[in-house]
Amino acid sequence: MSNRKDLENKSYRVGWIIWFILKNGSITKKDYMYEFDIIEKTVFRDIKEARDILEDFYGKTIRYDVLKRKYILEELENKS
């Protein structure tokens, strides 16, 4: 039962990242950690999963901007 709850929580967190970044265009690690009170390692895993979903379904990606210290939503470049 615990594993199912963990999976549901992870799905909710990843969905929240996608909603937040689509709405605001960017997200900081601090925004995310504050919302869910989680550790930094979890942030990176959830961001990666959100990036994969955005690339597959929205044609967008998440890139970390070092200078601004936030994750930025970007359009995928066409490979053709």
C-alpha atoms as a PDB file:
ATOM      1  CA  MET A   1       0.000   0.000   0.000  1.00  0.00           C
ATOM      2  CA  SER A   2       2.856   2.367   0.781  1.00  0.00           C
ATOM      3  CA  ASN A   3       4.373   1.943  -2.693  1.00  0.00           C
ATOM      4  CA  ARG A   4       1.082   2.875  -4.359  1.00  0.00           C
ATOM      5  CA  LYS A   5       0.803   6.003  -2.228  1.00  0.00           C
ATOM      6  CA  ASP A   6       4.406   6.946  -3.087  1.00  0.00           C
ATOM      7  CA  LEU A   7       3.665   6.484  -6.795  1.00  0.00           C
ATOM      8  CA  GLU A   8       0.498   8.599  -6.533  1.00  0.00           C
ATOM      9  CA  ASN A   9       2.453  11.307  -4.715  1.00  0.00           C
ATOM     10  CA  LYS A  10       5.183  11.246  -7.361  1.00  0.00           C
ATOM     11  CA  SER A  11       2.624  11.459 -10.166  1.00  0.00           C
ATOM     12  CA  TYR A  12       0.994  14.416  -8.444  1.00  0.00           C
ATOM     13  CA  ARG A  13       4.352  16.173  -7.970  1.00  0.00           C
ATOM     14  CA  VAL A  14       5.345  15.655 -11.615  1.00  0.00           C
ATOM     15  CA  GLY A  15       1.931  16.905 -12.752  1.00  0.00           C
ATOM     16  CA  TRP A  16       2.327  19.924 -10.508  1.00  0.00           C
ATOM     17  CA  ILE A  17       5.717  20.738 -12.097  1.00  0.00           C
ATOM     18  CA  ILE A  18       4.207  20.526 -15.578  1.00  0.00           C
ATOM     19  CA  TRP A  19       1.263  22.741 -14.596  1.00  0.00           C
ATOM     20  CA  PHE A  20       3.504  25.292 -12.851  1.00  0.00           C
ATOM     21  CA  ILE A  21       6.058  25.575 -15.641  1.00  0.00           C
ATOM     22  CA  LEU A  22       3.416  25.749 -18.389  1.00  0.00           C
ATOM     23  CA  LYS A  23       1.634  28.497 -16.456  1.00  0.00           C
ATOM     24  CA  ASN A  24       4.701  30.523 -15.435  1.00  0.00           C
ATOM     25  CA  GLY A  25       7.339  29.644 -18.040  1.00  0.00           C
ATOM     26  CA  SER A  26       9.880  28.728 -15.374  1.00  0.00           C
ATOM     27  CA  ILE A  27      10.287  27.151 -11.965  1.00  0.00           C
ATOM     28  CA  THR A  28      12.973  27.342  -9.323  1.00  0.00           C
ATOM     29  CA  LYS A  29      14.151  24.445  -7.243  1.00  0.00           C
ATOM     30  CA  LYS A  30      13.126  26.504  -4.202  1.00  0.00           C
ATOM     31  CA  ASP A  31       9.516  26.874  -5.496  1.00  0.00           C
ATOM     32  CA  TYR A  32       9.226  23.135  -5.857  1.00  0.00           C
ATOM     33  CA  MET A  33      10.955  22.185  -2.607  1.00  0.00           C
ATOM     34  CA  TYR A  34       8.804  24.677  -0.698  1.00  0.00           C
ATOM     35  CA  GLU A  35       5.565  23.336  -2.174  1.00  0.00           C
ATOM     36  CA  PHE A  36       6.263  19.691  -1.332  1.00  0.00           C
ATOM     37  CA  ASP A  37       8.873  19.789   1.457  1.00  0.00           C
ATOM     38  CA  ILE A  38      11.114  17.254  -0.291  1.00  0.00           C
ATOM     39  CA  ILE A  39      14.837  16.643  -0.655  1.00  0.00           C
ATOM     40  CA  GLU A  40      16.946  17.941  -3.525  1.00  0.00           C
ATOM     41  CA  LYS A  41      17.584  14.480  -5.020  1.00  0.00           C
ATOM     42  CA  THR A  42      13.830  14.023  -5.493  1.00  0.00           C
ATOM     43  CA  VAL A  43      13.594  17.402  -7.242  1.00  0.00           C
ATOM     44  CA  PHE A  44      16.045  16.333  -9.942  1.00  0.00           C
ATOM     45  CA  ARG A  45      14.264  13.012 -10.574  1.00  0.00           C
ATOM     46  CA  ASP A  46      10.830  14.648 -10.793  1.00  0.00           C
ATOM     47  CA  ILE A  47      12.096  17.457 -13.072  1.00  0.00           C
ATOM     48  CA  LYS A  48      13.605  14.840 -15.396  1.00  0.00           C
ATOM     49  CA  GLU A  49      10.316  12.951 -15.567  1.00  0.00           C
ATOM     50  CA  ALA A  50       8.386  16.186 -16.204  1.00  0.00           C
ATOM     51  CA  ARG A  51      10.881  17.067 -18.963  1.00  0.00           C
ATOM     52  CA  ASP A  52      10.286  13.683 -20.640  1.00  0.00           C
ATOM     53  CA  ILE A  53       6.504  14.176 -20.567  1.00  0.00           C
ATOM     54  CA  LEU A  54       6.738  17.724 -21.927  1.00  0.00           C
ATOM     55  CA  GLU A  55       8.996  16.566 -24.753  1.00  0.00           C
ATOM     56  CA  ASP A  56       6.704  13.674 -25.696  1.00  0.00           C
ATOM     57  CA  PHE A  57       3.336  15.439 -25.482  1.00  0.00           C
ATOM     58  CA  TYR A  58       3.941  19.191 -25.756  1.00  0.00           C
ATOM     59  CA  GLY A  59       7.027  19.536 -27.963  1.00  0.00           C
ATOM     60  CA  LYS A  60       8.700  21.527 -25.207  1.00  0.00           C
ATOM     61  CA  THR A  61      11.593  20.897 -22.863  1.00  0.00           C
ATOM     62  CA  ILE A  62      12.920  22.144 -19.552  1.00  0.00           C
ATOM     63  CA  ARG A  63      16.421  23.637 -19.479  1.00  0.00           C
ATOM     64  CA  TYR A  64      18.273  24.807 -16.384  1.00  0.00           C
ATOM     65  CA  ASP A  65      19.452  28.412 -16.731  1.00  0.00           C
ATOM     66  CA  VAL A  66      22.526  28.711 -14.521  1.00  0.00           C
ATOM     67  CA  LEU A  67      22.577  32.519 -14.435  1.00  0.00           C
ATOM     68  CA  LYS A  68      18.903  32.863 -13.478  1.00  0.00           C
ATOM     69  CA  ARG A  69      19.072  29.743 -11.267  1.00  0.00           C
ATOM     70  CA  LYS A  70      15.763  28.388 -12.547  1.00  0.00           C
ATOM     71  CA  TYR A  71      14.349  25.810 -14.907  1.00  0.00           C
ATOM     72  CA  ILE A  72      13.087  27.438 -18.125  1.00  0.00           C
ATOM     73  CA  LEU A  73      10.427  26.079 -20.494  1.00  0.00           C
ATOM     74  CA  GLU A  74      11.611  26.031 -24.119  1.00  0.00           C
ATOM     75  CA  GLU A  75      10.350  24.828 -27.478  1.00  0.00           C
ATOM     76  CA  LEU A  76      12.143  21.752 -28.816  1.00  0.00           C
ATOM     77  CA  GLU A  77      14.328  22.335 -31.819  1.00  0.00           C
ATOM     78  CA  ASN A  78      13.284  20.412 -34.936  1.00  0.00           C
ATOM     79  CA  LYS A  79      15.821  17.774 -35.851  1.00  0.00           C
ATOM     80  CA  SER A  80      14.838  17.614 -39.519  1.00  0.00           C
END
